[in-house]
């Protein structure tokens, strides 16, 4: 687990920069962050438009690339929001 204080941002451009500079040795990346950056990021790179990623929301995007620097449109594969859970 690597904590990056730079991810404490509401800016999707900063979020994109941080992700695109990740080591290509990292195959899977889990990002916890703030809205509006998260919603804007998943709408820019995912294949499903989402009005709002709520607190504790989960969105999985698969990118067909071997390098984070070449991250372009991905495929949204899973969306789980708190309202979807039967708790």
PDB file of N, CA and C in Angstrom:
ATOM      1  N   UNK A   1       0.856  -1.174   0.000  1.00  0.00           N
ATOM      2  CA  UNK A   1       0.000   0.000   0.000  1.00  0.00           C
ATOM      3  C   UNK A   1       0.896   1.228   0.000  1.00  0.00           C
ATOM      4  N   UNK A   2       0.599   2.133  -0.895  1.00  0.00           N
ATOM      5  CA  UNK A   2       1.345   3.378  -1.000  1.00  0.00           C
ATOM      6  C   UNK A   2       0.368   4.533  -0.827  1.00  0.00           C
ATOM      7  N   UNK A   3       0.625   5.368   0.156  1.00  0.00           N
ATOM      8  CA  UNK A   3      -0.223   6.528   0.394  1.00  0.00           C
ATOM      9  C   UNK A   3       0.395   7.735  -0.293  1.00  0.00           C
ATOM     10  N   UNK A   4      -0.414   8.467  -1.044  1.00  0.00           N
ATOM     11  CA  UNK A   4       0.049   9.674  -1.724  1.00  0.00           C
ATOM     12  C   UNK A   4      -0.834  10.839  -1.303  1.00  0.00           C
ATOM     13  N   UNK A   5      -0.257  11.769  -0.580  1.00  0.00           N
ATOM     14  CA  UNK A   5      -1.011  12.941  -0.148  1.00  0.00           C
ATOM     15  C   UNK A   5      -1.504  13.758  -1.335  1.00  0.00           C
ATOM     16  N   UNK A   6      -0.826  13.646  -2.475  1.00  0.00           N
ATOM     17  CA  UNK A   6      -1.248  14.387  -3.674  1.00  0.00           C
ATOM     18  C   UNK A   6      -2.631  13.977  -4.149  1.00  0.00           C
ATOM     19  N   UNK A   7      -3.083  12.788  -3.750  1.00  0.00           N
ATOM     20  CA  UNK A   7      -4.411  12.334  -4.156  1.00  0.00           C
ATOM     21  C   UNK A   7      -5.522  13.014  -3.376  1.00  0.00           C
ATOM     22  N   UNK A   8      -5.155  13.763  -2.361  1.00  0.00           N
ATOM     23  CA  UNK A   8      -6.160  14.528  -1.622  1.00  0.00           C
ATOM     24  C   UNK A   8      -6.494  15.760  -2.458  1.00  0.00           C
ATOM     25  N   UNK A   9      -7.238  15.515  -3.533  1.00  0.00           N
ATOM     26  CA  UNK A   9      -7.530  16.565  -4.493  1.00  0.00           C
ATOM     27  C   UNK A   9      -8.962  16.443  -4.991  1.00  0.00           C
ATOM     28  N   UNK A  10      -9.487  17.533  -5.434  1.00  0.00           N
ATOM     29  CA  UNK A  10     -10.807  17.557  -6.063  1.00  0.00           C
ATOM     30  C   UNK A  10     -10.669  17.778  -7.568  1.00  0.00           C
ATOM     31  N   UNK A  11      -9.447  17.688  -8.063  1.00  0.00           N
ATOM     32  CA  UNK A  11      -9.116  18.027  -9.445  1.00  0.00           C
ATOM     33  C   UNK A  11      -8.779  16.770 -10.241  1.00  0.00           C
ATOM     34  N   UNK A  12      -9.611  16.424 -11.223  1.00  0.00           N
ATOM     35  CA  UNK A  12      -9.379  15.216 -12.010  1.00  0.00           C
ATOM     36  C   UNK A  12      -8.121  15.298 -12.867  1.00  0.00           C
ATOM     37  N   UNK A  13      -7.691  16.500 -13.222  1.00  0.00           N
ATOM     38  CA  UNK A  13      -6.463  16.643 -14.001  1.00  0.00           C
ATOM     39  C   UNK A  13      -5.265  16.213 -13.158  1.00  0.00           C
ATOM     40  N   UNK A  14      -5.231  16.633 -11.912  1.00  0.00           N
ATOM     41  CA  UNK A  14      -4.169  16.217 -10.990  1.00  0.00           C
ATOM     42  C   UNK A  14      -4.232  14.708 -10.771  1.00  0.00           C
ATOM     43  N   UNK A  15      -5.427  14.169 -10.610  1.00  0.00           N
ATOM     44  CA  UNK A  15      -5.617  12.731 -10.436  1.00  0.00           C
ATOM     45  C   UNK A  15      -5.079  11.974 -11.649  1.00  0.00           C
ATOM     46  N   UNK A  16      -5.412  12.449 -12.843  1.00  0.00           N
ATOM     47  CA  UNK A  16      -4.933  11.828 -14.079  1.00  0.00           C
ATOM     48  C   UNK A  16      -3.405  11.876 -14.150  1.00  0.00           C
ATOM     49  N   UNK A  17      -2.811  12.990 -13.785  1.00  0.00           N
ATOM     50  CA  UNK A  17      -1.347  13.122 -13.809  1.00  0.00           C
ATOM     51  C   UNK A  17      -0.691  12.123 -12.865  1.00  0.00           C
ATOM     52  N   UNK A  18      -1.234  11.986 -11.676  1.00  0.00           N
ATOM     53  CA  UNK A  18      -0.660  11.069 -10.696  1.00  0.00           C
ATOM     54  C   UNK A  18      -0.744   9.629 -11.197  1.00  0.00           C
ATOM     55  N   UNK A  19      -1.897   9.252 -11.742  1.00  0.00           N
ATOM     56  CA  UNK A  19      -2.071   7.885 -12.242  1.00  0.00           C
ATOM     57  C   UNK A  19      -1.177   7.637 -13.452  1.00  0.00           C
ATOM     58  N   UNK A  20      -1.100   8.581 -14.359  1.00  0.00           N
ATOM     59  CA  UNK A  20      -0.290   8.374 -15.567  1.00  0.00           C
ATOM     60  C   UNK A  20       1.202   8.289 -15.260  1.00  0.00           C
ATOM     61  N   UNK A  21       1.615   8.759 -14.092  1.00  0.00           N
ATOM     62  CA  UNK A  21       3.018   8.677 -13.695  1.00  0.00           C
ATOM     63  C   UNK A  21       3.322   7.465 -12.820  1.00  0.00           C
ATOM     64  N   UNK A  22       2.354   6.585 -12.641  1.00  0.00           N
ATOM     65  CA  UNK A  22       2.592   5.371 -11.866  1.00  0.00           C
ATOM     66  C   UNK A  22       3.546   4.451 -12.625  1.00  0.00           C
ATOM     67  N   UNK A  23       4.285   3.667 -11.879  1.00  0.00           N
ATOM     68  CA  UNK A  23       5.201   2.694 -12.467  1.00  0.00           C
ATOM     69  C   UNK A  23       4.422   1.657 -13.264  1.00  0.00           C
ATOM     70  N   UNK A  24       4.960   1.283 -14.414  1.00  0.00           N
ATOM     71  CA  UNK A  24       4.302   0.274 -15.237  1.00  0.00           C
ATOM     72  C   UNK A  24       4.429  -1.129 -14.650  1.00  0.00           C
ATOM     73  N   UNK A  25       5.195  -1.258 -13.574  1.00  0.00           N
ATOM     74  CA  UNK A  25       5.257  -2.519 -12.853  1.00  0.00           C
ATOM     75  C   UNK A  25       3.954  -2.777 -12.100  1.00  0.00           C
ATOM     76  N   UNK A  26       3.162  -1.731 -11.890  1.00  0.00           N
ATOM     77  CA  UNK A  26       1.879  -1.840 -11.194  1.00  0.00           C
ATOM     78  C   UNK A  26       0.817  -2.221 -12.212  1.00  0.00           C
ATOM     79  N   UNK A  27       0.267  -3.416 -12.060  1.00  0.00           N
ATOM     80  CA  UNK A  27      -0.751  -3.885 -12.997  1.00  0.00           C
ATOM     81  C   UNK A  27      -2.156  -3.472 -12.585  1.00  0.00           C
ATOM     82  N   UNK A  28      -2.402  -3.414 -11.284  1.00  0.00           N
ATOM     83  CA  UNK A  28      -3.714  -3.052 -10.756  1.00  0.00           C
ATOM     84  C   UNK A  28      -3.545  -1.895  -9.798  1.00  0.00           C
ATOM     85  N   UNK A  29      -4.426  -0.932  -9.916  1.00  0.00           N
ATOM     86  CA  UNK A  29      -4.332   0.271  -9.116  1.00  0.00           C
ATOM     87  C   UNK A  29      -5.686   0.554  -8.487  1.00  0.00           C
ATOM     88  N   UNK A  30      -5.695   0.772  -7.187  1.00  0.00           N
ATOM     89  CA  UNK A  30      -6.917   1.150  -6.480  1.00  0.00           C
ATOM     90  C   UNK A  30      -6.709   2.570  -5.972  1.00  0.00           C
ATOM     91  N   UNK A  31      -7.623   3.449  -6.331  1.00  0.00           N
ATOM     92  CA  UNK A  31      -7.507   4.854  -5.949  1.00  0.00           C
ATOM     93  C   UNK A  31      -8.693   5.221  -5.068  1.00  0.00           C
ATOM     94  N   UNK A  32      -8.399   5.770  -3.919  1.00  0.00           N
ATOM     95  CA  UNK A  32      -9.421   6.343  -3.049  1.00  0.00           C
ATOM     96  C   UNK A  32      -9.252   7.839  -3.139  1.00  0.00           C
ATOM     97  N   UNK A  33     -10.321   8.550  -3.413  1.00  0.00           N
ATOM     98  CA  UNK A  33     -10.191   9.992  -3.559  1.00  0.00           C
ATOM     99  C   UNK A  33     -11.492  10.707  -3.309  1.00  0.00           C
ATOM    100  N   UNK A  34     -11.481  11.970  -3.676  1.00  0.00           N
ATOM    101  CA  UNK A  34     -12.624  12.842  -3.446  1.00  0.00           C
ATOM    102  C   UNK A  34     -13.398  13.078  -4.733  1.00  0.00           C
ATOM    103  N   UNK A  35     -14.671  13.374  -4.532  1.00  0.00           N
ATOM    104  CA  UNK A  35     -15.461  13.899  -5.623  1.00  0.00           C
ATOM    105  C   UNK A  35     -15.150  15.370  -5.705  1.00  0.00           C
ATOM    106  N   UNK A  36     -15.170  15.947  -6.737  1.00  0.00           N
ATOM    107  CA  UNK A  36     -15.680  15.743  -8.061  1.00  0.00           C
ATOM    108  C   UNK A  36     -14.619  15.096  -8.962  1.00  0.00           C
ATOM    109  N   UNK A  37     -13.399  14.990  -8.476  1.00  0.00           N
ATOM    110  CA  UNK A  37     -12.314  14.415  -9.267  1.00  0.00           C
ATOM    111  C   UNK A  37     -12.623  12.979  -9.688  1.00  0.00           C
ATOM    112  N   UNK A  38     -13.136  12.170  -8.768  1.00  0.00           N
ATOM    113  CA  UNK A  38     -13.412  10.764  -9.082  1.00  0.00           C
ATOM    114  C   UNK A  38     -14.494  10.652 -10.150  1.00  0.00           C
ATOM    115  N   UNK A  39     -15.599  11.363  -9.981  1.00  0.00           N
ATOM    116  CA  UNK A  39     -16.680  11.311 -10.976  1.00  0.00           C
ATOM    117  C   UNK A  39     -16.186  11.774 -12.342  1.00  0.00           C
ATOM    118  N   UNK A  40     -15.474  12.876 -12.388  1.00  0.00           N
ATOM    119  CA  UNK A  40     -14.968  13.382 -13.668  1.00  0.00           C
ATOM    120  C   UNK A  40     -13.972  12.418 -14.299  1.00  0.00           C
ATOM    121  N   UNK A  41     -13.130  11.790 -13.474  1.00  0.00           N
ATOM    122  CA  UNK A  41     -12.152  10.831 -13.990  1.00  0.00           C
ATOM    123  C   UNK A  41     -12.852   9.625 -14.616  1.00  0.00           C
ATOM    124  N   UNK A  42     -13.815   9.011 -13.902  1.00  0.00           N
ATOM    125  CA  UNK A  42     -14.477   7.821 -14.447  1.00  0.00           C
ATOM    126  C   UNK A  42     -15.316   8.173 -15.678  1.00  0.00           C
ATOM    127  N   UNK A  43     -15.820   9.399 -15.761  1.00  0.00           N
ATOM    128  CA  UNK A  43     -16.565   9.794 -16.955  1.00  0.00           C
ATOM    129  C   UNK A  43     -15.637  10.066 -18.132  1.00  0.00           C
ATOM    130  N   UNK A  44     -14.442  10.530 -17.875  1.00  0.00           N
ATOM    131  CA  UNK A  44     -13.483  10.778 -18.959  1.00  0.00           C
ATOM    132  C   UNK A  44     -12.915   9.470 -19.496  1.00  0.00           C
ATOM    133  N   UNK A  45     -12.597   8.527 -18.612  1.00  0.00           N
ATOM    134  CA  UNK A  45     -11.892   7.326 -19.033  1.00  0.00           C
ATOM    135  C   UNK A  45     -12.748   6.069 -19.093  1.00  0.00           C
ATOM    136  N   UNK A  46     -13.892   6.061 -18.433  1.00  0.00           N
ATOM    137  CA  UNK A  46     -14.750   4.883 -18.447  1.00  0.00           C
ATOM    138  C   UNK A  46     -15.707   4.880 -19.622  1.00  0.00           C
ATOM    139  N   UNK A  47     -16.421   3.785 -19.761  1.00  0.00           N
ATOM    140  CA  UNK A  47     -17.343   3.627 -20.890  1.00  0.00           C
ATOM    141  C   UNK A  47     -18.799   3.867 -20.508  1.00  0.00           C
ATOM    142  N   UNK A  48     -19.064   4.180 -19.250  1.00  0.00           N
ATOM    143  CA  UNK A  48     -20.420   4.441 -18.775  1.00  0.00           C
ATOM    144  C   UNK A  48     -20.439   5.800 -18.090  1.00  0.00           C
ATOM    145  N   UNK A  49     -21.362   6.666 -18.496  1.00  0.00           N
ATOM    146  CA  UNK A  49     -21.491   7.988 -17.881  1.00  0.00           C
ATOM    147  C   UNK A  49     -22.184   7.846 -16.526  1.00  0.00           C
ATOM    148  N   UNK A  50     -21.589   8.452 -15.515  1.00  0.00           N
ATOM    149  CA  UNK A  50     -22.110   8.378 -14.153  1.00  0.00           C
ATOM    150  C   UNK A  50     -22.343   9.804 -13.660  1.00  0.00           C
ATOM    151  N   UNK A  51     -23.559  10.082 -13.167  1.00  0.00           N
ATOM    152  CA  UNK A  51     -23.877  11.431 -12.680  1.00  0.00           C
ATOM    153  C   UNK A  51     -23.035  11.806 -11.467  1.00  0.00           C
ATOM    154  N   UNK A  52     -22.858  10.849 -10.550  1.00  0.00           N
ATOM    155  CA  UNK A  52     -22.132  11.127  -9.320  1.00  0.00           C
ATOM    156  C   UNK A  52     -21.655   9.819  -8.708  1.00  0.00           C
ATOM    157  N   UNK A  53     -20.361   9.730  -8.439  1.00  0.00           N
ATOM    158  CA  UNK A  53     -19.838   8.597  -7.677  1.00  0.00           C
ATOM    159  C   UNK A  53     -19.950   8.997  -6.208  1.00  0.00           C
ATOM    160  N   UNK A  54     -20.843   8.346  -5.462  1.00  0.00           N
ATOM    161  CA  UNK A  54     -21.089   8.768  -4.081  1.00  0.00           C
ATOM    162  C   UNK A  54     -19.967   8.318  -3.133  1.00  0.00           C
ATOM    163  N   UNK A  55     -20.000   8.849  -1.934  1.00  0.00           N
ATOM    164  CA  UNK A  55     -19.088   8.401  -0.892  1.00  0.00           C
ATOM    165  C   UNK A  55     -19.176   6.885  -0.780  1.00  0.00           C
ATOM    166  N   UNK A  56     -18.045   6.229  -0.745  1.00  0.00           N
ATOM    167  CA  UNK A  56     -17.922   4.765  -0.670  1.00  0.00           C
ATOM    168  C   UNK A  56     -18.341   4.073  -1.958  1.00  0.00           C
ATOM    169  N   UNK A  57     -18.511   4.828  -3.046  1.00  0.00           N
ATOM    170  CA  UNK A  57     -18.830   4.219  -4.330  1.00  0.00           C
ATOM    171  C   UNK A  57     -17.604   3.552  -4.923  1.00  0.00           C
ATOM    172  N   UNK A  58     -17.833   2.538  -5.743  1.00  0.00           N
ATOM    173  CA  UNK A  58     -16.756   1.778  -6.385  1.00  0.00           C
ATOM    174  C   UNK A  58     -17.022   1.714  -7.875  1.00  0.00           C
ATOM    175  N   UNK A  59     -15.997   2.048  -8.669  1.00  0.00           N
ATOM    176  CA  UNK A  59     -16.083   1.950 -10.122  1.00  0.00           C
ATOM    177  C   UNK A  59     -14.800   1.287 -10.603  1.00  0.00           C
ATOM    178  N   UNK A  60     -14.944   0.225 -11.383  1.00  0.00           N
ATOM    179  CA  UNK A  60     -13.793  -0.486 -11.922  1.00  0.00           C
ATOM    180  C   UNK A  60     -13.695  -0.199 -13.419  1.00  0.00           C
ATOM    181  N   UNK A  61     -12.495   0.191 -13.857  1.00  0.00           N
ATOM    182  CA  UNK A  61     -12.242   0.475 -15.267  1.00  0.00           C
ATOM    183  C   UNK A  61     -11.036  -0.349 -15.708  1.00  0.00           C
ATOM    184  N   UNK A  62     -11.167  -1.049 -16.832  1.00  0.00           N
ATOM    185  CA  UNK A  62     -10.080  -1.814 -17.422  1.00  0.00           C
ATOM    186  C   UNK A  62      -9.505  -1.010 -18.587  1.00  0.00           C
ATOM    187  N   UNK A  63      -8.191  -0.837 -18.582  1.00  0.00           N
ATOM    188  CA  UNK A  63      -7.501  -0.141 -19.666  1.00  0.00           C
ATOM    189  C   UNK A  63      -6.704  -1.160 -20.478  1.00  0.00           C
ATOM    190  N   UNK A  64      -6.828  -1.106 -21.788  1.00  0.00           N
ATOM    191  CA  UNK A  64      -6.094  -2.017 -22.677  1.00  0.00           C
ATOM    192  C   UNK A  64      -4.770  -1.365 -23.073  1.00  0.00           C
ATOM    193  N   UNK A  65      -3.853  -1.293 -22.119  1.00  0.00           N
ATOM    194  CA  UNK A  65      -2.539  -0.710 -22.380  1.00  0.00           C
ATOM    195  C   UNK A  65      -1.542  -1.323 -21.415  1.00  0.00           C
ATOM    196  N   UNK A  66      -0.284  -1.276 -21.770  1.00  0.00           N
ATOM    197  CA  UNK A  66       0.769  -1.793 -20.898  1.00  0.00           C
ATOM    198  C   UNK A  66       1.475  -0.693 -20.137  1.00  0.00           C
ATOM    199  N   UNK A  67       1.039   0.532 -20.330  1.00  0.00           N
ATOM    200  CA  UNK A  67       1.685   1.653 -19.661  1.00  0.00           C
ATOM    201  C   UNK A  67       0.636   2.665 -19.218  1.00  0.00           C
ATOM    202  N   UNK A  68       0.808   3.176 -18.017  1.00  0.00           N
ATOM    203  CA  UNK A  68      -0.144   4.152 -17.488  1.00  0.00           C
ATOM    204  C   UNK A  68      -0.089   5.456 -18.269  1.00  0.00           C
ATOM    205  N   UNK A  69       1.056   5.779 -18.849  1.00  0.00           N
ATOM    206  CA  UNK A  69       1.177   7.029 -19.618  1.00  0.00           C
ATOM    207  C   UNK A  69       0.287   7.025 -20.856  1.00  0.00           C
ATOM    208  N   UNK A  70      -0.031   5.832 -21.372  1.00  0.00           N
ATOM    209  CA  UNK A  70      -0.870   5.721 -22.563  1.00  0.00           C
ATOM    210  C   UNK A  70      -2.321   5.425 -22.220  1.00  0.00           C
ATOM    211  N   UNK A  71      -2.707   5.768 -21.011  1.00  0.00           N
ATOM    212  CA  UNK A  71      -4.067   5.516 -20.551  1.00  0.00           C
ATOM    213  C   UNK A  71      -5.044   6.331 -21.403  1.00  0.00           C
ATOM    214  N   UNK A  72      -5.901   5.607 -22.111  1.00  0.00           N
ATOM    215  CA  UNK A  72      -6.965   6.257 -22.886  1.00  0.00           C
ATOM    216  C   UNK A  72      -8.263   5.579 -22.488  1.00  0.00           C
ATOM    217  N   UNK A  73      -9.299   5.795 -23.234  1.00  0.00           N
ATOM    218  CA  UNK A  73     -10.609   5.265 -22.873  1.00  0.00           C
ATOM    219  C   UNK A  73     -10.544   3.807 -22.473  1.00  0.00           C
ATOM    220  N   UNK A  74     -11.120   3.539 -21.314  1.00  0.00           N
ATOM    221  CA  UNK A  74     -11.178   2.183 -20.797  1.00  0.00           C
ATOM    222  C   UNK A  74     -12.605   1.668 -20.829  1.00  0.00           C
ATOM    223  N   UNK A  75     -12.782   0.487 -20.322  1.00  0.00           N
ATOM    224  CA  UNK A  75     -14.098  -0.137 -20.246  1.00  0.00           C
ATOM    225  C   UNK A  75     -14.516  -0.234 -18.783  1.00  0.00           C
ATOM    226  N   UNK A  76     -15.642   0.372 -18.461  1.00  0.00           N
ATOM    227  CA  UNK A  76     -16.185   0.286 -17.103  1.00  0.00           C
ATOM    228  C   UNK A  76     -16.750  -1.112 -16.932  1.00  0.00           C
ATOM    229  N   UNK A  77     -16.224  -1.849 -15.944  1.00  0.00           N
ATOM    230  CA  UNK A  77     -16.619  -3.249 -15.781  1.00  0.00           C
ATOM    231  C   UNK A  77     -17.488  -3.505 -14.567  1.00  0.00           C
ATOM    232  N   UNK A  78     -17.452  -2.597 -13.589  1.00  0.00           N
ATOM    233  CA  UNK A  78     -18.221  -2.838 -12.374  1.00  0.00           C
ATOM    234  C   UNK A  78     -18.504  -1.512 -11.685  1.00  0.00           C
ATOM    235  N   UNK A  79     -19.723  -1.345 -11.229  1.00  0.00           N
ATOM    236  CA  UNK A  79     -20.130  -0.157 -10.467  1.00  0.00           C
ATOM    237  C   UNK A  79     -20.902  -0.648  -9.252  1.00  0.00           C
ATOM    238  N   UNK A  80     -20.448  -0.251  -8.074  1.00  0.00           N
ATOM    239  CA  UNK A  80     -21.164  -0.602  -6.844  1.00  0.00           C
ATOM    240  C   UNK A  80     -21.281   0.665  -6.004  1.00  0.00           C
ATOM    241  N   UNK A  81     -22.506   1.035  -5.713  1.00  0.00           N
ATOM    242  CA  UNK A  81     -22.769   2.186  -4.865  1.00  0.00           C
ATOM    243  C   UNK A  81     -23.454   1.697  -3.588  1.00  0.00           C
ATOM    244  N   UNK A  82     -23.327   2.437  -2.482  1.00  0.00           N
ATOM    245  CA  UNK A  82     -23.944   2.018  -1.225  1.00  0.00           C
ATOM    246  C   UNK A  82     -25.434   1.654  -1.371  1.00  0.00           C
ATOM    247  N   UNK A  83     -26.151   2.377  -2.209  1.00  0.00           N
ATOM    248  CA  UNK A  83     -27.587   2.101  -2.371  1.00  0.00           C
ATOM    249  C   UNK A  83     -27.848   0.721  -2.964  1.00  0.00           C
ATOM    250  N   UNK A  84     -26.826   0.131  -3.606  1.00  0.00           N
ATOM    251  CA  UNK A  84     -26.960  -1.173  -4.222  1.00  0.00           C
ATOM    252  C   UNK A  84     -26.774  -2.327  -3.235  1.00  0.00           C
ATOM    253  N   UNK A  85     -26.290  -2.003  -2.050  1.00  0.00           N
ATOM    254  CA  UNK A  85     -26.005  -3.036  -1.058  1.00  0.00           C
ATOM    255  C   UNK A  85     -27.211  -3.246  -0.148  1.00  0.00           C
ATOM    256  N   UNK A  86     -27.498  -4.456   0.124  1.00  0.00           N
ATOM    257  CA  UNK A  86     -28.623  -4.800   1.013  1.00  0.00           C
ATOM    258  C   UNK A  86     -28.077  -4.990   2.421  1.00  0.00           C
ATOM    259  N   UNK A  87     -27.912  -3.887   3.115  1.00  0.00           N
ATOM    260  CA  UNK A  87     -27.355  -3.945   4.472  1.00  0.00           C
ATOM    261  C   UNK A  87     -28.466  -3.719   5.472  1.00  0.00           C
TER     262      UNK A  87
END
